[in-house]
Amino acid sequence: MPEHDNPDDHADRMLEAALGGLTPHQALIEQSLADQAKGDERAAAIAKNRERALRLLAELEKKLD
């Protein structure tokens, strides 16, 4: 690191690179939307698994009767 380079400037450049050109606010919004999408995917998977379990239970009950 050059002598004239301020450590704060270096940290700011690293943060800018990590954010991919987004402002911190934009990065938070994008992360929030991604988290919401993951939650929606999990909810859909839970519903699908519940449906499968109910079908399996119904088949088992038929065979036991």
Protein backbone atom coordinates (compact mmCIF):
# COMPACT_ATOMS: atom_id res chain seq x y z
CA MET A 1 0.00 0.00 0.00
CA PRO A 2 1.54 3.37 -0.95
CA GLU A 3 2.51 5.67 1.91
CA HIS A 4 0.09 8.39 0.79
CA ASP A 5 -2.84 5.95 0.67
CA ASN A 6 -5.16 6.49 3.62
CA PRO A 7 -6.36 3.21 5.22
CA ASP A 8 -9.91 4.61 5.24
CA ASP A 9 -9.71 5.18 1.49
CA HIS A 10 -8.55 1.61 1.03
CA ALA A 11 -11.46 0.32 3.13
CA ASP A 12 -13.89 2.46 1.14
CA ARG A 13 -12.60 1.03 -2.14
CA MET A 14 -12.93 -2.50 -0.80
CA LEU A 15 -16.50 -1.80 0.32
CA GLU A 16 -17.39 -0.33 -3.08
CA ALA A 17 -15.99 -3.42 -4.79
CA ALA A 18 -17.94 -5.73 -2.48
CA LEU A 19 -21.16 -3.85 -3.17
CA GLY A 20 -20.69 -4.20 -6.90
CA GLY A 21 -21.32 -0.54 -7.61
CA LEU A 22 -24.50 -0.38 -5.53
CA THR A 23 -25.11 2.02 -2.71
CA PRO A 24 -25.42 0.40 0.71
CA HIS A 25 -29.17 1.12 0.59
CA GLN A 26 -29.53 -0.59 -2.80
CA ALA A 27 -27.52 -3.58 -1.58
CA LEU A 28 -29.77 -3.94 1.46
CA ILE A 29 -32.89 -3.79 -0.70
CA GLU A 30 -31.52 -6.43 -3.07
CA GLN A 31 -30.57 -8.70 -0.18
CA SER A 32 -34.00 -8.25 1.38
CA LEU A 33 -35.71 -9.20 -1.90
CA ALA A 34 -33.46 -12.25 -2.24
CA ASP A 35 -34.26 -13.31 1.32
CA GLN A 36 -37.97 -12.91 0.63
CA ALA A 37 -37.68 -15.04 -2.50
CA LYS A 38 -35.88 -17.74 -0.51
CA GLY A 39 -38.68 -17.64 2.05
CA ASP A 40 -41.26 -18.00 -0.71
CA GLU A 41 -39.34 -20.98 -2.12
CA ARG A 42 -39.20 -22.62 1.31
CA ALA A 43 -42.93 -22.08 1.83
CA ALA A 44 -43.67 -23.66 -1.55
CA ALA A 45 -41.44 -26.64 -0.74
CA ILE A 46 -43.16 -27.09 2.62
CA ALA A 47 -46.58 -27.02 0.97
CA LYS A 48 -45.47 -29.52 -1.67
CA ASN A 49 -44.02 -31.86 0.96
CA ARG A 50 -47.20 -31.61 3.02
CA GLU A 51 -49.28 -32.51 -0.03
CA ARG A 52 -47.06 -35.55 -0.72
CA ALA A 53 -47.28 -36.65 2.91
CA LEU A 54 -51.07 -36.41 2.88
CA ARG A 55 -51.27 -38.46 -0.33
CA LEU A 56 -48.94 -41.08 1.15
CA LEU A 57 -50.98 -41.20 4.35
CA ALA A 58 -54.17 -41.66 2.33
CA GLU A 59 -52.58 -44.54 0.38
CA LEU A 60 -51.40 -46.19 3.58
CA GLU A 61 -54.86 -45.88 5.14
CA LYS A 62 -56.40 -47.50 2.04
CA LYS A 63 -54.04 -50.46 2.29
CA LEU A 64 -54.71 -50.92 5.99
CA ASP A 65 -58.51 -50.97 5.53
